N, C-alpha and C. Protein backbone atom coordinates (compact mmCIF):
# COMPACT_ATOMS: atom_id res chain seq x y z
N MET A 1 5.89 -6.83 -33.83
CA MET A 1 4.83 -5.88 -33.75
C MET A 1 5.09 -4.78 -32.70
N THR A 2 5.13 -3.63 -33.19
CA THR A 2 5.22 -2.31 -32.07
C THR A 2 4.02 -1.66 -31.53
N VAL A 3 3.82 -1.61 -30.46
CA VAL A 3 2.61 -0.74 -29.99
C VAL A 3 3.04 0.50 -29.70
N PRO A 4 2.47 1.79 -30.09
CA PRO A 4 2.61 2.96 -29.91
C PRO A 4 2.44 3.35 -28.21
N THR A 5 3.21 4.25 -28.13
CA THR A 5 2.75 4.91 -26.72
C THR A 5 1.33 5.15 -26.38
N ALA A 6 0.44 5.13 -25.62
CA ALA A 6 -0.77 5.51 -25.35
C ALA A 6 -0.95 6.76 -24.24
N GLU A 7 -1.56 7.74 -24.57
CA GLU A 7 -1.86 8.70 -23.30
C GLU A 7 -3.20 8.09 -23.04
N VAL A 8 -3.02 7.93 -21.72
CA VAL A 8 -4.48 7.27 -21.35
C VAL A 8 -5.42 8.39 -20.67
N ALA A 9 -6.79 8.49 -21.16
CA ALA A 9 -7.48 9.32 -20.78
C ALA A 9 -8.36 9.23 -19.51
N THR A 10 -8.85 7.86 -19.79
CA THR A 10 -9.90 7.41 -18.98
C THR A 10 -9.70 5.94 -18.83
N ASP A 11 -10.42 5.37 -17.63
CA ASP A 11 -10.34 3.92 -17.49
C ASP A 11 -10.61 3.04 -18.76
N GLN A 12 -11.79 3.56 -19.40
CA GLN A 12 -12.23 2.87 -20.56
C GLN A 12 -11.05 2.60 -21.77
N HIS A 13 -10.35 3.96 -22.00
CA HIS A 13 -9.41 3.83 -22.84
C HIS A 13 -8.31 3.04 -22.29
N TRP A 14 -7.94 3.16 -21.21
CA TRP A 14 -6.93 2.30 -20.70
C TRP A 14 -6.98 0.79 -20.82
N LEU A 15 -8.49 0.56 -20.32
CA LEU A 15 -8.62 -0.90 -20.55
C LEU A 15 -8.63 -1.67 -21.98
N ALA A 16 -9.27 -0.75 -22.88
CA ALA A 16 -9.40 -1.18 -24.24
C ALA A 16 -7.93 -1.14 -24.66
N TYR A 17 -7.03 -0.17 -24.39
CA TYR A 17 -5.71 -0.48 -24.63
C TYR A 17 -5.02 -1.96 -24.44
N LEU A 18 -5.28 -2.07 -22.93
CA LEU A 18 -4.62 -3.42 -22.51
C LEU A 18 -5.14 -4.50 -23.20
N ASP A 19 -6.63 -4.46 -23.58
CA ASP A 19 -6.91 -5.62 -24.32
C ASP A 19 -6.52 -5.63 -25.89
N SER A 20 -6.13 -4.71 -26.20
CA SER A 20 -5.26 -4.45 -27.64
C SER A 20 -3.75 -5.09 -27.43
N VAL A 21 -3.35 -5.16 -26.52
CA VAL A 21 -1.76 -5.59 -26.44
C VAL A 21 -1.92 -7.01 -25.80
N VAL A 22 -2.92 -7.67 -25.29
CA VAL A 22 -2.69 -9.03 -24.71
C VAL A 22 -2.42 -9.99 -26.10
N VAL A 23 -2.48 -9.88 -27.15
CA VAL A 23 -2.00 -10.47 -28.18
C VAL A 23 -0.36 -10.51 -28.56
N LEU A 24 0.18 -9.63 -27.77
CA LEU A 24 1.63 -9.42 -27.90
C LEU A 24 2.38 -10.01 -26.90
N SER A 25 3.59 -10.52 -26.91
CA SER A 25 4.40 -11.11 -25.96
C SER A 25 4.37 -10.14 -24.67
N GLY A 26 4.04 -10.67 -23.59
CA GLY A 26 3.96 -9.77 -22.32
C GLY A 26 2.66 -9.30 -22.11
N GLY A 27 1.91 -9.10 -23.08
CA GLY A 27 0.79 -8.44 -23.10
C GLY A 27 -0.48 -8.87 -21.79
N GLU A 28 -0.22 -10.21 -21.79
CA GLU A 28 -1.23 -10.89 -20.94
C GLU A 28 -0.80 -10.51 -19.57
N LEU A 29 0.71 -10.55 -19.22
CA LEU A 29 1.32 -10.09 -17.90
C LEU A 29 0.78 -8.63 -17.54
N ALA A 30 0.84 -7.76 -18.68
CA ALA A 30 0.65 -6.38 -18.31
C ALA A 30 -0.92 -6.19 -18.01
N ARG A 31 -1.68 -7.05 -18.51
CA ARG A 31 -3.07 -7.16 -18.08
C ARG A 31 -3.27 -7.68 -16.72
N GLU A 32 -2.76 -8.82 -16.38
CA GLU A 32 -2.82 -9.37 -15.04
C GLU A 32 -1.98 -8.51 -13.90
N LEU A 33 -1.16 -7.76 -14.32
CA LEU A 33 -0.66 -7.07 -13.35
C LEU A 33 -1.57 -5.80 -13.29
N TRP A 34 -1.86 -5.12 -14.10
CA TRP A 34 -3.00 -4.22 -13.92
C TRP A 34 -4.13 -4.94 -13.04
N ASN A 35 -4.60 -5.96 -13.23
CA ASN A 35 -5.72 -6.17 -12.40
C ASN A 35 -5.22 -6.28 -11.09
N ARG A 36 -4.03 -6.81 -10.82
CA ARG A 36 -3.58 -7.00 -9.15
C ARG A 36 -3.29 -5.52 -8.65
N ILE A 37 -2.78 -4.27 -9.48
CA ILE A 37 -2.39 -3.19 -8.97
C ILE A 37 -4.21 -2.37 -8.70
N SER A 38 -4.90 -2.79 -9.62
CA SER A 38 -5.84 -1.94 -9.28
C SER A 38 -7.13 -2.72 -8.24
N SER A 39 -6.49 -4.06 -7.88
CA SER A 39 -7.24 -4.48 -6.93
C SER A 39 -6.86 -4.15 -5.54
N ALA A 40 -5.41 -3.97 -5.68
CA ALA A 40 -4.77 -3.68 -4.50
C ALA A 40 -4.74 -1.93 -3.93
N VAL A 41 -4.87 -0.99 -5.03
CA VAL A 41 -5.09 0.38 -4.61
C VAL A 41 -5.97 0.89 -5.62
N ASN A 42 -7.00 1.56 -5.00
CA ASN A 42 -8.03 2.41 -5.75
C ASN A 42 -7.22 3.49 -6.66
N MET A 43 -6.79 3.33 -7.76
CA MET A 43 -6.31 4.59 -8.62
C MET A 43 -6.61 4.78 -9.81
N LEU A 44 -6.08 5.66 -10.64
CA LEU A 44 -6.16 6.11 -11.84
C LEU A 44 -5.45 5.17 -12.67
N PRO A 45 -5.84 4.94 -14.19
CA PRO A 45 -4.76 4.28 -15.04
C PRO A 45 -3.57 5.32 -15.13
N PRO A 46 -2.56 4.50 -15.58
CA PRO A 46 -1.16 5.33 -16.02
C PRO A 46 -1.33 6.59 -16.74
N ASP A 47 -0.59 7.52 -16.63
CA ASP A 47 -0.38 8.66 -17.64
C ASP A 47 -0.12 8.01 -19.22
N ARG A 48 0.88 7.05 -19.02
CA ARG A 48 1.59 6.85 -20.35
C ARG A 48 1.78 5.56 -20.27
N VAL A 49 1.55 4.97 -21.47
CA VAL A 49 1.82 3.10 -21.37
C VAL A 49 2.33 3.02 -22.65
N GLY A 50 3.07 1.90 -23.03
CA GLY A 50 3.69 1.52 -24.22
C GLY A 50 4.68 0.34 -24.31
N THR A 51 5.30 0.15 -25.31
CA THR A 51 6.40 -0.86 -25.51
C THR A 51 7.62 -0.07 -25.12
N ILE A 52 8.71 -0.75 -24.36
CA ILE A 52 10.02 -0.38 -24.25
C ILE A 52 10.95 -1.10 -25.05
N PRO A 53 12.31 -0.16 -25.28
CA PRO A 53 13.26 -0.75 -26.14
C PRO A 53 13.85 -2.04 -25.83
N GLU A 54 13.62 -2.48 -24.82
CA GLU A 54 14.11 -3.95 -24.45
C GLU A 54 13.10 -4.97 -24.73
N GLY A 55 12.01 -4.45 -24.91
CA GLY A 55 10.92 -5.38 -25.16
C GLY A 55 9.97 -5.60 -24.01
N GLY A 56 8.82 -5.63 -23.99
CA GLY A 56 7.64 -5.61 -22.95
C GLY A 56 7.20 -4.19 -22.71
N PHE A 57 6.50 -4.01 -21.75
CA PHE A 57 5.72 -2.82 -21.51
C PHE A 57 6.30 -1.88 -20.42
N GLN A 58 5.67 -1.07 -20.42
CA GLN A 58 5.95 0.15 -19.11
C GLN A 58 4.60 0.94 -19.06
N PHE A 59 4.46 0.79 -17.54
CA PHE A 59 3.34 1.94 -17.28
C PHE A 59 3.86 3.29 -16.63
N VAL A 60 3.44 4.21 -16.68
CA VAL A 60 3.96 5.27 -16.32
C VAL A 60 2.93 6.59 -15.68
N TRP A 61 2.97 6.67 -14.27
CA TRP A 61 2.17 7.61 -13.79
C TRP A 61 3.12 8.98 -13.26
N ASP A 62 2.87 10.30 -13.84
CA ASP A 62 3.74 11.09 -13.74
C ASP A 62 2.87 12.29 -12.98
N ARG A 63 2.97 12.31 -11.75
CA ARG A 63 1.73 13.29 -10.97
C ARG A 63 2.77 14.35 -10.10
N GLY A 64 3.04 15.34 -10.65
CA GLY A 64 3.42 16.66 -9.79
C GLY A 64 4.92 16.10 -9.22
N GLU A 65 4.83 15.91 -7.76
CA GLU A 65 6.15 15.40 -7.18
C GLU A 65 6.43 13.93 -7.18
N HIS A 66 5.05 13.08 -7.47
CA HIS A 66 5.76 11.68 -7.63
C HIS A 66 5.74 11.23 -9.11
N TYR A 67 6.70 10.31 -9.12
CA TYR A 67 6.99 9.51 -10.68
C TYR A 67 6.81 8.11 -10.15
N PHE A 68 6.19 7.36 -10.89
CA PHE A 68 6.27 5.94 -10.91
C PHE A 68 6.07 5.15 -12.03
N GLU A 69 6.94 4.28 -12.21
CA GLU A 69 6.79 3.32 -13.16
C GLU A 69 7.05 1.65 -12.86
N VAL A 70 6.21 1.09 -13.85
CA VAL A 70 6.50 -0.41 -13.82
C VAL A 70 6.82 -0.70 -15.18
N ASP A 71 7.69 -1.68 -15.02
CA ASP A 71 8.31 -2.45 -16.40
C ASP A 71 7.97 -3.79 -16.24
N ILE A 72 7.35 -4.26 -17.41
CA ILE A 72 7.10 -5.67 -17.66
C ILE A 72 8.15 -6.17 -18.85
N LEU A 73 9.18 -7.00 -18.62
CA LEU A 73 10.16 -7.31 -19.45
C LEU A 73 9.45 -8.80 -20.15
N LEU A 74 10.14 -8.91 -21.45
CA LEU A 74 9.71 -10.07 -22.10
C LEU A 74 9.90 -11.45 -21.33
N ASP A 75 10.99 -11.47 -20.55
CA ASP A 75 10.96 -12.45 -19.90
C ASP A 75 10.20 -12.86 -18.53
N SER A 76 9.24 -12.06 -18.59
CA SER A 76 8.24 -12.05 -17.63
C SER A 76 8.71 -11.49 -16.14
N THR A 77 9.84 -10.99 -16.29
CA THR A 77 10.37 -10.35 -15.29
C THR A 77 9.73 -8.83 -14.90
N MET A 78 9.16 -8.46 -13.85
CA MET A 78 8.46 -7.29 -13.47
C MET A 78 9.15 -6.26 -12.36
N GLU A 79 9.34 -4.92 -12.56
CA GLU A 79 10.00 -4.20 -11.83
C GLU A 79 9.48 -2.67 -11.50
N TRP A 80 9.43 -2.32 -10.56
CA TRP A 80 8.87 -0.86 -10.38
C TRP A 80 9.86 0.25 -9.64
N PHE A 81 9.56 1.51 -10.30
CA PHE A 81 10.44 2.48 -9.85
C PHE A 81 10.06 3.78 -9.31
N TYR A 82 10.02 4.31 -7.99
CA TYR A 82 9.44 5.36 -7.57
C TYR A 82 10.32 6.45 -7.45
N ARG A 83 9.96 7.97 -7.61
CA ARG A 83 10.72 8.96 -7.53
C ARG A 83 9.94 9.95 -6.78
N ASN A 84 10.25 10.48 -5.57
CA ASN A 84 9.41 11.72 -5.07
C ASN A 84 10.54 13.06 -5.49
N ARG A 85 9.81 13.90 -6.47
CA ARG A 85 10.74 15.00 -6.77
C ARG A 85 11.06 16.10 -5.63
N ARG A 86 10.00 16.18 -4.93
CA ARG A 86 10.30 17.11 -3.58
C ARG A 86 11.29 16.69 -2.52
N THR A 87 11.28 15.51 -2.22
CA THR A 87 12.05 14.99 -1.16
C THR A 87 13.37 14.19 -1.69
N ASP A 88 13.54 13.84 -3.09
CA ASP A 88 14.26 13.25 -3.45
C ASP A 88 14.55 11.82 -3.24
N GLU A 89 13.57 11.39 -2.78
CA GLU A 89 13.04 9.64 -2.59
C GLU A 89 13.30 8.75 -3.65
N VAL A 90 14.26 7.77 -3.87
CA VAL A 90 14.33 7.01 -4.99
C VAL A 90 13.98 5.73 -4.30
N ILE A 91 13.15 5.20 -4.88
CA ILE A 91 13.14 3.43 -4.47
C ILE A 91 12.25 2.57 -5.60
N GLY A 92 12.69 1.23 -5.54
CA GLY A 92 12.19 0.40 -6.56
C GLY A 92 12.54 -1.04 -6.15
N GLU A 93 11.77 -1.93 -6.74
CA GLU A 93 12.34 -3.24 -6.33
C GLU A 93 11.60 -4.20 -7.55
N ASP A 94 12.06 -5.32 -7.74
CA ASP A 94 11.58 -6.48 -8.33
C ASP A 94 9.93 -6.55 -8.10
N ILE A 95 9.07 -7.20 -8.95
CA ILE A 95 7.48 -7.57 -8.53
C ILE A 95 7.82 -9.11 -8.68
N PRO A 96 7.78 -9.80 -7.56
CA PRO A 96 8.00 -11.41 -7.47
C PRO A 96 6.86 -11.88 -7.91
N ASN A 97 6.84 -12.71 -8.88
CA ASN A 97 5.61 -13.35 -9.72
C ASN A 97 4.24 -12.38 -9.38
N GLY A 98 4.63 -11.23 -9.86
CA GLY A 98 3.60 -10.37 -10.17
C GLY A 98 2.65 -9.77 -8.70
N LEU A 99 3.08 -10.05 -7.72
CA LEU A 99 2.50 -9.77 -6.43
C LEU A 99 3.04 -8.24 -6.00
N ILE A 100 2.01 -7.71 -5.62
CA ILE A 100 2.15 -6.29 -5.09
C ILE A 100 2.52 -6.19 -3.58
N THR A 101 3.67 -5.95 -3.49
CA THR A 101 4.35 -5.50 -1.95
C THR A 101 3.76 -4.57 -1.57
N ASP A 102 3.84 -4.54 -0.02
CA ASP A 102 3.36 -3.52 0.69
C ASP A 102 4.16 -2.23 0.46
N VAL A 103 5.50 -2.28 0.38
CA VAL A 103 6.21 -0.92 -0.22
C VAL A 103 5.40 -0.30 -1.49
N MET A 104 5.54 -1.28 -2.61
CA MET A 104 4.79 -0.77 -3.68
C MET A 104 3.57 -0.08 -3.61
N LYS A 105 2.67 -1.17 -2.79
CA LYS A 105 1.40 -0.54 -2.54
C LYS A 105 1.50 1.01 -1.77
N ASN A 106 2.30 1.29 -0.77
CA ASN A 106 2.29 2.35 -0.40
C ASN A 106 2.85 3.66 -1.14
N LYS A 107 3.49 3.22 -2.11
CA LYS A 107 4.07 4.25 -3.23
C LYS A 107 2.90 4.40 -4.01
N LEU A 108 2.14 3.65 -4.84
CA LEU A 108 1.11 3.60 -5.29
C LEU A 108 0.15 4.44 -4.66
N SER A 109 0.09 4.68 -3.65
CA SER A 109 -0.95 5.29 -2.83
C SER A 109 -0.98 6.98 -2.96
N PHE A 110 0.26 7.18 -3.34
CA PHE A 110 0.61 8.81 -3.59
C PHE A 110 0.16 9.18 -5.01
N ILE A 111 0.03 8.46 -5.84
CA ILE A 111 -0.45 8.61 -7.13
C ILE A 111 -2.12 8.73 -7.37
N LYS A 112 -2.52 9.82 -7.16
CA LYS A 112 -4.00 10.18 -7.41
C LYS A 112 -4.35 11.15 -8.55
C-alpha cells in the first residue's frame, strides 16, 4: 500500500494524516517520533510528508533558508538532515532509538 504525499496545512490535518498511516509498516514509528519532536520543540507540522522509495516515511520542512527532513525507514532506522541555504551548513545524523538529540533540537528550532 502506498500513501500519497500530503501537503499538511494545519495541525489537525497533520494528526489526521499520521493516524491514517499508523496501520502501515513504520507508521507507528512516524507517529511516535512526531510525538517526541513536538514535545521537544514547539513547532509547526511538516510542509510535506509521505512515503519514500526505500519504504518508510519522510517528513520535510522547507522554510526559506532552512531545509530539514526526517526519514523513518522500514527497518526502524531513523535519520535527519538539515541544510541552511544561506550559509551552506549541512548536518545530519541517525536518530538513536527515536531519541531527539540536542543537535537535532537546535536545528529544528530554526523551523518556524
